[in-house]
Amino acid sequence: MDWKLFAATFLTIFLAELGDKTQLAAVAASSQSKTTFTIFLAVSSALILASFIGVLAGRVLSDMLNARVISILAGGGFILMGTWILIKALRIN
């Protein structure tokens, strides 16, 4: 195992997830329930599955595109999602 890669990936994902919508959803779910362990298992399982899908997608895409193109596409996706969320938040109904 490449421990340097593991540490860098762990730290990046851990810091990115702090205060993320997923963590806030977990806080909301656990505040409405007394079964903390059930919520923990559900949240953990969902994150594991989502991460697994992301890793598989990255593996498949890396066979078709180079890493630079994948990074540009991922960055563009973040920008588009952020713009969409910002527009929704600023829209006055």
PDB file of N, CA and C in Angstrom:
ATOM      1  N   MET A   1       0.848  -1.190   0.000  1.00  0.00           N
ATOM      2  CA  MET A   1       0.000   0.000   0.000  1.00  0.00           C
ATOM      3  C   MET A   1       0.880   1.235   0.000  1.00  0.00           C
ATOM      4  N   ASP A   2       0.465   2.227  -0.758  1.00  0.00           N
ATOM      5  CA  ASP A   2       1.165   3.498  -0.827  1.00  0.00           C
ATOM      6  C   ASP A   2       0.615   4.405   0.281  1.00  0.00           C
ATOM      7  N   TRP A   3       1.313   4.439   1.421  1.00  0.00           N
ATOM      8  CA  TRP A   3       0.827   5.175   2.589  1.00  0.00           C
ATOM      9  C   TRP A   3       0.832   6.681   2.381  1.00  0.00           C
ATOM     10  N   LYS A   4       1.753   7.166   1.558  1.00  0.00           N
ATOM     11  CA  LYS A   4       1.793   8.592   1.259  1.00  0.00           C
ATOM     12  C   LYS A   4       0.533   9.001   0.486  1.00  0.00           C
ATOM     13  N   LEU A   5       0.161   8.196  -0.503  1.00  0.00           N
ATOM     14  CA  LEU A   5      -1.057   8.441  -1.273  1.00  0.00           C
ATOM     15  C   LEU A   5      -2.287   8.320  -0.380  1.00  0.00           C
ATOM     16  N   PHE A   6      -2.283   7.303   0.500  1.00  0.00           N
ATOM     17  CA  PHE A   6      -3.401   7.120   1.432  1.00  0.00           C
ATOM     18  C   PHE A   6      -3.569   8.349   2.312  1.00  0.00           C
ATOM     19  N   ALA A   7      -2.469   8.831   2.896  1.00  0.00           N
ATOM     20  CA  ALA A   7      -2.523   9.977   3.802  1.00  0.00           C
ATOM     21  C   ALA A   7      -2.990  11.240   3.078  1.00  0.00           C
ATOM     22  N   ALA A   8      -2.460  11.471   1.887  1.00  0.00           N
ATOM     23  CA  ALA A   8      -2.847  12.662   1.122  1.00  0.00           C
ATOM     24  C   ALA A   8      -4.328  12.605   0.744  1.00  0.00           C
ATOM     25  N   THR A   9      -4.791  11.451   0.300  1.00  0.00           N
ATOM     26  CA  THR A   9      -6.195  11.300  -0.084  1.00  0.00           C
ATOM     27  C   THR A   9      -7.094  11.429   1.131  1.00  0.00           C
ATOM     28  N   PHE A  10      -6.732  10.763   2.230  1.00  0.00           N
ATOM     29  CA  PHE A  10      -7.529  10.843   3.456  1.00  0.00           C
ATOM     30  C   PHE A  10      -7.663  12.279   3.929  1.00  0.00           C
ATOM     31  N   LEU A  11      -6.546  12.976   4.002  1.00  0.00           N
ATOM     32  CA  LEU A  11      -6.560  14.352   4.498  1.00  0.00           C
ATOM     33  C   LEU A  11      -7.390  15.261   3.589  1.00  0.00           C
ATOM     34  N   THR A  12      -7.235  15.107   2.285  1.00  0.00           N
ATOM     35  CA  THR A  12      -7.987  15.926   1.339  1.00  0.00           C
ATOM     36  C   THR A  12      -9.485  15.706   1.490  1.00  0.00           C
ATOM     37  N   ILE A  13      -9.897  14.443   1.509  1.00  0.00           N
ATOM     38  CA  ILE A  13     -11.325  14.124   1.614  1.00  0.00           C
ATOM     39  C   ILE A  13     -11.867  14.527   2.985  1.00  0.00           C
ATOM     40  N   PHE A  14     -11.113  14.252   4.033  1.00  0.00           N
ATOM     41  CA  PHE A  14     -11.554  14.603   5.384  1.00  0.00           C
ATOM     42  C   PHE A  14     -11.802  16.099   5.511  1.00  0.00           C
ATOM     43  N   LEU A  15     -10.855  16.913   5.055  1.00  0.00           N
ATOM     44  CA  LEU A  15     -11.011  18.363   5.147  1.00  0.00           C
ATOM     45  C   LEU A  15     -12.142  18.869   4.254  1.00  0.00           C
ATOM     46  N   ALA A  16     -12.310  18.246   3.083  1.00  0.00           N
ATOM     47  CA  ALA A  16     -13.382  18.654   2.173  1.00  0.00           C
ATOM     48  C   ALA A  16     -14.755  18.333   2.751  1.00  0.00           C
ATOM     49  N   GLU A  17     -14.844  17.272   3.523  1.00  0.00           N
ATOM     50  CA  GLU A  17     -16.146  16.849   4.062  1.00  0.00           C
ATOM     51  C   GLU A  17     -16.546  17.587   5.330  1.00  0.00           C
ATOM     52  N   LEU A  18     -15.604  18.210   6.031  1.00  0.00           N
ATOM     53  CA  LEU A  18     -15.949  18.939   7.255  1.00  0.00           C
ATOM     54  C   LEU A  18     -16.892  20.092   6.922  1.00  0.00           C
ATOM     55  N   GLY A  19     -18.043  20.092   7.542  1.00  0.00           N
ATOM     56  CA  GLY A  19     -19.016  21.153   7.311  1.00  0.00           C
ATOM     57  C   GLY A  19     -19.738  21.038   5.980  1.00  0.00           C
ATOM     58  N   ASP A  20     -19.538  19.923   5.283  1.00  0.00           N
ATOM     59  CA  ASP A  20     -20.192  19.699   3.998  1.00  0.00           C
ATOM     60  C   ASP A  20     -21.673  19.421   4.220  1.00  0.00           C
ATOM     61  N   LYS A  21     -22.462  19.489   3.126  1.00  0.00           N
ATOM     62  CA  LYS A  21     -23.900  19.222   3.225  1.00  0.00           C
ATOM     63  C   LYS A  21     -24.166  17.836   3.807  1.00  0.00           C
ATOM     64  N   THR A  22     -23.314  16.879   3.481  1.00  0.00           N
ATOM     65  CA  THR A  22     -23.501  15.523   3.996  1.00  0.00           C
ATOM     66  C   THR A  22     -23.384  15.500   5.511  1.00  0.00           C
ATOM     67  N   GLN A  23     -22.385  16.182   6.033  1.00  0.00           N
ATOM     68  CA  GLN A  23     -22.207  16.216   7.478  1.00  0.00           C
ATOM     69  C   GLN A  23     -23.368  16.950   8.143  1.00  0.00           C
ATOM     70  N   LEU A  24     -23.825  18.014   7.528  1.00  0.00           N
ATOM     71  CA  LEU A  24     -24.963  18.748   8.087  1.00  0.00           C
ATOM     72  C   LEU A  24     -26.236  17.901   8.050  1.00  0.00           C
ATOM     73  N   ALA A  25     -26.403  17.108   6.989  1.00  0.00           N
ATOM     74  CA  ALA A  25     -27.556  16.200   6.909  1.00  0.00           C
ATOM     75  C   ALA A  25     -27.462  15.139   8.000  1.00  0.00           C
ATOM     76  N   ALA A  26     -26.259  14.661   8.278  1.00  0.00           N
ATOM     77  CA  ALA A  26     -26.063  13.678   9.348  1.00  0.00           C
ATOM     78  C   ALA A  26     -26.397  14.289  10.706  1.00  0.00           C
ATOM     79  N   VAL A  27     -26.007  15.534  10.911  1.00  0.00           N
ATOM     80  CA  VAL A  27     -26.333  16.225  12.163  1.00  0.00           C
ATOM     81  C   VAL A  27     -27.849  16.343  12.303  1.00  0.00           C
ATOM     82  N   ALA A  28     -28.516  16.742  11.227  1.00  0.00           N
ATOM     83  CA  ALA A  28     -29.974  16.891  11.267  1.00  0.00           C
ATOM     84  C   ALA A  28     -30.658  15.555  11.536  1.00  0.00           C
ATOM     85  N   ALA A  29     -30.209  14.495  10.866  1.00  0.00           N
ATOM     86  CA  ALA A  29     -30.818  13.169  11.055  1.00  0.00           C
ATOM     87  C   ALA A  29     -30.607  12.666  12.476  1.00  0.00           C
ATOM     88  N   SER A  30     -29.397  12.840  12.992  1.00  0.00           N
ATOM     89  CA  SER A  30     -29.130  12.329  14.336  1.00  0.00           C
ATOM     90  C   SER A  30     -29.806  13.158  15.421  1.00  0.00           C
ATOM     91  N   SER A  31     -30.096  14.415  15.120  1.00  0.00           N
ATOM     92  CA  SER A  31     -30.785  15.241  16.118  1.00  0.00           C
ATOM     93  C   SER A  31     -32.255  14.856  16.250  1.00  0.00           C
ATOM     94  N   GLN A  32     -32.789  14.171  15.247  1.00  0.00           N
ATOM     95  CA  GLN A  32     -34.187  13.764  15.258  1.00  0.00           C
ATOM     96  C   GLN A  32     -34.376  12.318  15.704  1.00  0.00           C
ATOM     97  N   SER A  33     -33.280  11.682  16.095  1.00  0.00           N
ATOM     98  CA  SER A  33     -33.365  10.263  16.449  1.00  0.00           C
ATOM     99  C   SER A  33     -32.490   9.977  17.667  1.00  0.00           C
ATOM    100  N   LYS A  34     -32.881   8.997  18.430  1.00  0.00           N
ATOM    101  CA  LYS A  34     -32.077   8.566  19.576  1.00  0.00           C
ATOM    102  C   LYS A  34     -31.189   7.381  19.211  1.00  0.00           C
ATOM    103  N   THR A  35     -31.311   6.898  17.980  1.00  0.00           N
ATOM    104  CA  THR A  35     -30.521   5.748  17.540  1.00  0.00           C
ATOM    105  C   THR A  35     -29.304   6.236  16.760  1.00  0.00           C
ATOM    106  N   THR A  36     -28.353   6.783  17.477  1.00  0.00           N
ATOM    107  CA  THR A  36     -27.156   7.364  16.882  1.00  0.00           C
ATOM    108  C   THR A  36     -26.395   6.350  16.043  1.00  0.00           C
ATOM    109  N   PHE A  37     -26.275   5.120  16.522  1.00  0.00           N
ATOM    110  CA  PHE A  37     -25.504   4.115  15.799  1.00  0.00           C
ATOM    111  C   PHE A  37     -26.142   3.796  14.447  1.00  0.00           C
ATOM    112  N   THR A  38     -27.463   3.745  14.394  1.00  0.00           N
ATOM    113  CA  THR A  38     -28.157   3.481  13.128  1.00  0.00           C
ATOM    114  C   THR A  38     -27.874   4.591  12.130  1.00  0.00           C
ATOM    115  N   ILE A  39     -27.942   5.833  12.588  1.00  0.00           N
ATOM    116  CA  ILE A  39     -27.647   6.975  11.719  1.00  0.00           C
ATOM    117  C   ILE A  39     -26.193   6.902  11.254  1.00  0.00           C
ATOM    118  N   PHE A  40     -25.279   6.589  12.162  1.00  0.00           N
ATOM    119  CA  PHE A  40     -23.863   6.463  11.815  1.00  0.00           C
ATOM    120  C   PHE A  40     -23.658   5.401  10.740  1.00  0.00           C
ATOM    121  N   LEU A  41     -24.276   4.241  10.900  1.00  0.00           N
ATOM    122  CA  LEU A  41     -24.139   3.171   9.900  1.00  0.00           C
ATOM    123  C   LEU A  41     -24.711   3.590   8.556  1.00  0.00           C
ATOM    124  N   ALA A  42     -25.861   4.248   8.561  1.00  0.00           N
ATOM    125  CA  ALA A  42     -26.486   4.681   7.310  1.00  0.00           C
ATOM    126  C   ALA A  42     -25.621   5.719   6.594  1.00  0.00           C
ATOM    127  N   VAL A  43     -25.148   6.714   7.334  1.00  0.00           N
ATOM    128  CA  VAL A  43     -24.312   7.766   6.745  1.00  0.00           C
ATOM    129  C   VAL A  43     -23.000   7.174   6.233  1.00  0.00           C
ATOM    130  N   SER A  44     -22.378   6.324   7.035  1.00  0.00           N
ATOM    131  CA  SER A  44     -21.117   5.708   6.636  1.00  0.00           C
ATOM    132  C   SER A  44     -21.290   4.849   5.391  1.00  0.00           C
ATOM    133  N   SER A  45     -22.344   4.064   5.363  1.00  0.00           N
ATOM    134  CA  SER A  45     -22.602   3.199   4.205  1.00  0.00           C
ATOM    135  C   SER A  45     -22.840   4.023   2.941  1.00  0.00           C
ATOM    136  N   ALA A  46     -23.603   5.101   3.082  1.00  0.00           N
ATOM    137  CA  ALA A  46     -23.871   5.963   1.930  1.00  0.00           C
ATOM    138  C   ALA A  46     -22.587   6.610   1.412  1.00  0.00           C
ATOM    139  N   LEU A  47     -21.743   7.079   2.326  1.00  0.00           N
ATOM    140  CA  LEU A  47     -20.487   7.695   1.910  1.00  0.00           C
ATOM    141  C   LEU A  47     -19.539   6.685   1.280  1.00  0.00           C
ATOM    142  N   ILE A  48     -19.515   5.475   1.818  1.00  0.00           N
ATOM    143  CA  ILE A  48     -18.672   4.429   1.241  1.00  0.00           C
ATOM    144  C   ILE A  48     -19.135   4.106  -0.173  1.00  0.00           C
ATOM    145  N   LEU A  49     -20.450   3.945  -0.364  1.00  0.00           N
ATOM    146  CA  LEU A  49     -20.974   3.628  -1.687  1.00  0.00           C
ATOM    147  C   LEU A  49     -20.710   4.771  -2.674  1.00  0.00           C
ATOM    148  N   ALA A  50     -20.958   6.008  -2.255  1.00  0.00           N
ATOM    149  CA  ALA A  50     -20.715   7.159  -3.130  1.00  0.00           C
ATOM    150  C   ALA A  50     -19.231   7.259  -3.486  1.00  0.00           C
ATOM    151  N   SER A  51     -18.364   7.010  -2.518  1.00  0.00           N
ATOM    152  CA  SER A  51     -16.924   7.052  -2.770  1.00  0.00           C
ATOM    153  C   SER A  51     -16.501   5.940  -3.718  1.00  0.00           C
ATOM    154  N   PHE A  52     -17.065   4.759  -3.531  1.00  0.00           N
ATOM    155  CA  PHE A  52     -16.756   3.619  -4.398  1.00  0.00           C
ATOM    156  C   PHE A  52     -17.146   3.928  -5.849  1.00  0.00           C
ATOM    157  N   ILE A  53     -18.323   4.504  -6.027  1.00  0.00           N
ATOM    158  CA  ILE A  53     -18.766   4.874  -7.367  1.00  0.00           C
ATOM    159  C   ILE A  53     -17.818   5.916  -7.972  1.00  0.00           C
ATOM    160  N   GLY A  54     -17.404   6.880  -7.172  1.00  0.00           N
ATOM    161  CA  GLY A  54     -16.458   7.898  -7.646  1.00  0.00           C
ATOM    162  C   GLY A  54     -15.118   7.317  -8.039  1.00  0.00           C
ATOM    163  N   VAL A  55     -14.613   6.394  -7.229  1.00  0.00           N
ATOM    164  CA  VAL A  55     -13.327   5.759  -7.533  1.00  0.00           C
ATOM    165  C   VAL A  55     -13.439   4.930  -8.814  1.00  0.00           C
ATOM    166  N   LEU A  56     -14.527   4.163  -8.956  1.00  0.00           N
ATOM    167  CA  LEU A  56     -14.724   3.381 -10.177  1.00  0.00           C
ATOM    168  C   LEU A  56     -14.844   4.286 -11.403  1.00  0.00           C
ATOM    169  N   ALA A  57     -15.594   5.368 -11.274  1.00  0.00           N
ATOM    170  CA  ALA A  57     -15.738   6.301 -12.392  1.00  0.00           C
ATOM    171  C   ALA A  57     -14.386   6.899 -12.765  1.00  0.00           C
ATOM    172  N   GLY A  58     -13.589   7.245 -11.768  1.00  0.00           N
ATOM    173  CA  GLY A  58     -12.253   7.772 -12.029  1.00  0.00           C
ATOM    174  C   GLY A  58     -11.369   6.767 -12.738  1.00  0.00           C
ATOM    175  N   ARG A  59     -11.471   5.499 -12.347  1.00  0.00           N
ATOM    176  CA  ARG A  59     -10.686   4.448 -12.974  1.00  0.00           C
ATOM    177  C   ARG A  59     -11.081   4.276 -14.438  1.00  0.00           C
ATOM    178  N   VAL A  60     -12.393   4.257 -14.695  1.00  0.00           N
ATOM    179  CA  VAL A  60     -12.881   4.097 -16.066  1.00  0.00           C
ATOM    180  C   VAL A  60     -12.496   5.312 -16.913  1.00  0.00           C
ATOM    181  N   LEU A  61     -12.703   6.506 -16.375  1.00  0.00           N
ATOM    182  CA  LEU A  61     -12.364   7.725 -17.120  1.00  0.00           C
ATOM    183  C   LEU A  61     -10.870   7.827 -17.387  1.00  0.00           C
ATOM    184  N   SER A  62     -10.052   7.339 -16.466  1.00  0.00           N
ATOM    185  CA  SER A  62      -8.601   7.432 -16.657  1.00  0.00           C
ATOM    186  C   SER A  62      -8.124   6.565 -17.812  1.00  0.00           C
ATOM    187  N   ASP A  63      -8.916   5.556 -18.193  1.00  0.00           N
ATOM    188  CA  ASP A  63      -8.579   4.746 -19.358  1.00  0.00           C
ATOM    189  C   ASP A  63      -8.928   5.464 -20.659  1.00  0.00           C
ATOM    190  N   MET A  64      -9.823   6.462 -20.579  1.00  0.00           N
ATOM    191  CA  MET A  64     -10.273   7.177 -21.781  1.00  0.00           C
ATOM    192  C   MET A  64      -9.667   8.573 -21.905  1.00  0.00           C
ATOM    193  N   LEU A  65      -9.386   9.214 -20.759  1.00  0.00           N
ATOM    194  CA  LEU A  65      -8.903  10.592 -20.756  1.00  0.00           C
ATOM    195  C   LEU A  65      -7.665  10.698 -19.877  1.00  0.00           C
ATOM    196  N   ASN A  66      -6.852  11.724 -20.133  1.00  0.00           N
ATOM    197  CA  ASN A  66      -5.699  11.896 -19.242  1.00  0.00           C
ATOM    198  C   ASN A  66      -6.119  12.649 -17.982  1.00  0.00           C
ATOM    199  N   ALA A  67      -5.276  12.621 -16.966  1.00  0.00           N
ATOM    200  CA  ALA A  67      -5.603  13.183 -15.654  1.00  0.00           C
ATOM    201  C   ALA A  67      -5.902  14.674 -15.730  1.00  0.00           C
ATOM    202  N   ARG A  68      -5.222  15.389 -16.598  1.00  0.00           N
ATOM    203  CA  ARG A  68      -5.454  16.845 -16.725  1.00  0.00           C
ATOM    204  C   ARG A  68      -6.881  17.119 -17.195  1.00  0.00           C
ATOM    205  N   VAL A  69      -7.348  16.382 -18.190  1.00  0.00           N
ATOM    206  CA  VAL A  69      -8.705  16.568 -18.709  1.00  0.00           C
ATOM    207  C   VAL A  69      -9.729  16.241 -17.620  1.00  0.00           C
ATOM    208  N   ILE A  70      -9.490  15.167 -16.884  1.00  0.00           N
ATOM    209  CA  ILE A  70     -10.405  14.778 -15.808  1.00  0.00           C
ATOM    210  C   ILE A  70     -10.450  15.876 -14.741  1.00  0.00           C
ATOM    211  N   SER A  71      -9.298  16.438 -14.394  1.00  0.00           N
ATOM    212  CA  SER A  71      -9.253  17.523 -13.408  1.00  0.00           C
ATOM    213  C   SER A  71     -10.005  18.757 -13.893  1.00  0.00           C
ATOM    214  N   ILE A  72      -9.848  19.081 -15.173  1.00  0.00           N
ATOM    215  CA  ILE A  72     -10.554  20.236 -15.738  1.00  0.00           C
ATOM    216  C   ILE A  72     -12.054  19.988 -15.714  1.00  0.00           C
ATOM    217  N   LEU A  73     -12.486  18.786 -16.095  1.00  0.00           N
ATOM    218  CA  LEU A  73     -13.908  18.453 -16.075  1.00  0.00           C
ATOM    219  C   LEU A  73     -14.469  18.498 -14.653  1.00  0.00           C
ATOM    220  N   ALA A  74     -13.716  17.957 -13.697  1.00  0.00           N
ATOM    221  CA  ALA A  74     -14.169  17.974 -12.300  1.00  0.00           C
ATOM    222  C   ALA A  74     -14.263  19.408 -11.777  1.00  0.00           C
ATOM    223  N   GLY A  75     -13.255  20.216 -12.058  1.00  0.00           N
ATOM    224  CA  GLY A  75     -13.281  21.619 -11.638  1.00  0.00           C
ATOM    225  C   GLY A  75     -14.427  22.369 -12.269  1.00  0.00           C
ATOM    226  N   GLY A  76     -14.654  22.120 -13.568  1.00  0.00           N
ATOM    227  CA  GLY A  76     -15.787  22.747 -14.256  1.00  0.00           C
ATOM    228  C   GLY A  76     -17.115  22.338 -13.639  1.00  0.00           C
ATOM    229  N   GLY A  77     -17.211  21.063 -13.262  1.00  0.00           N
ATOM    230  CA  GLY A  77     -18.427  20.570 -12.609  1.00  0.00           C
ATOM    231  C   GLY A  77     -18.673  21.270 -11.288  1.00  0.00           C
ATOM    232  N   PHE A  78     -17.608  21.461 -10.496  1.00  0.00           N
ATOM    233  CA  PHE A  78     -17.748  22.178  -9.226  1.00  0.00           C
ATOM    234  C   PHE A  78     -18.199  23.618  -9.454  1.00  0.00           C
ATOM    235  N   ILE A  79     -17.607  24.258 -10.463  1.00  0.00           N
ATOM    236  CA  ILE A  79     -17.979  25.644 -10.761  1.00  0.00           C
ATOM    237  C   ILE A  79     -19.443  25.722 -11.183  1.00  0.00           C
ATOM    238  N   LEU A  80     -19.878  24.807 -12.052  1.00  0.00           N
ATOM    239  CA  LEU A  80     -21.272  24.800 -12.487  1.00  0.00           C
ATOM    240  C   LEU A  80     -22.230  24.553 -11.328  1.00  0.00           C
ATOM    241  N   MET A  81     -21.909  23.577 -10.469  1.00  0.00           N
ATOM    242  CA  MET A  81     -22.782  23.302  -9.314  1.00  0.00           C
ATOM    243  C   MET A  81     -22.830  24.497  -8.369  1.00  0.00           C
ATOM    244  N   GLY A  82     -21.658  25.096  -8.106  1.00  0.00           N
ATOM    245  CA  GLY A  82     -21.613  26.265  -7.228  1.00  0.00           C
ATOM    246  C   GLY A  82     -22.401  27.429  -7.788  1.00  0.00           C
ATOM    247  N   THR A  83     -22.283  27.654  -9.093  1.00  0.00           N
ATOM    248  CA  THR A  83     -23.034  28.727  -9.743  1.00  0.00           C
ATOM    249  C   THR A  83     -24.529  28.463  -9.657  1.00  0.00           C
ATOM    250  N   TRP A  84     -24.928  27.223  -9.936  1.00  0.00           N
ATOM    251  CA  TRP A  84     -26.342  26.851  -9.877  1.00  0.00           C
ATOM    252  C   TRP A  84     -26.905  27.053  -8.459  1.00  0.00           C
ATOM    253  N   ILE A  85     -26.153  26.614  -7.444  1.00  0.00           N
ATOM    254  CA  ILE A  85     -26.588  26.768  -6.051  1.00  0.00           C
ATOM    255  C   ILE A  85     -26.673  28.254  -5.682  1.00  0.00           C
ATOM    256  N   LEU A  86     -25.693  29.033  -6.125  1.00  0.00           N
ATOM    257  CA  LEU A  86     -25.697  30.469  -5.836  1.00  0.00           C
ATOM    258  C   LEU A  86     -26.885  31.157  -6.495  1.00  0.00           C
ATOM    259  N   ILE A  87     -27.164  30.813  -7.736  1.00  0.00           N
ATOM    260  CA  ILE A  87     -28.311  31.399  -8.431  1.00  0.00           C
ATOM    261  C   ILE A  87     -29.616  31.031  -7.723  1.00  0.00           C
ATOM    262  N   LYS A  88     -29.736  29.757  -7.326  1.00  0.00           N
ATOM    263  CA  LYS A  88     -30.945  29.335  -6.593  1.00  0.00           C
ATOM    264  C   LYS A  88     -31.079  30.093  -5.281  1.00  0.00           C
ATOM    265  N   ALA A  89     -29.966  30.292  -4.582  1.00  0.00           N
ATOM    266  CA  ALA A  89     -30.004  30.972  -3.289  1.00  0.00           C
ATOM    267  C   ALA A  89     -30.358  32.451  -3.435  1.00  0.00           C
ATOM    268  N   LEU A  90     -29.938  33.061  -4.526  1.00  0.00           N
ATOM    269  CA  LEU A  90     -30.189  34.492  -4.725  1.00  0.00           C
ATOM    270  C   LEU A  90     -31.540  34.778  -5.356  1.00  0.00           C
ATOM    271  N   ARG A  91     -32.151  33.753  -5.934  1.00  0.00           N
ATOM    272  CA  ARG A  91     -33.452  33.925  -6.575  1.00  0.00           C
ATOM    273  C   ARG A  91     -34.505  34.236  -5.510  1.00  0.00           C
ATOM    274  N   ILE A  92     -35.201  35.312  -5.711  1.00  0.00           N
ATOM    275  CA  ILE A  92     -36.243  35.727  -4.762  1.00  0.00           C
ATOM    276  C   ILE A  92     -37.590  35.326  -5.364  1.00  0.00           C
ATOM    277  N   ASN A  93     -38.313  34.483  -4.637  1.00  0.00           N
ATOM    278  CA  ASN A  93     -39.640  34.036  -5.112  1.00  0.00           C
ATOM    279  C   ASN A  93     -40.732  34.686  -4.330  1.00  0.00           C
TER     280      ASN A  93
END
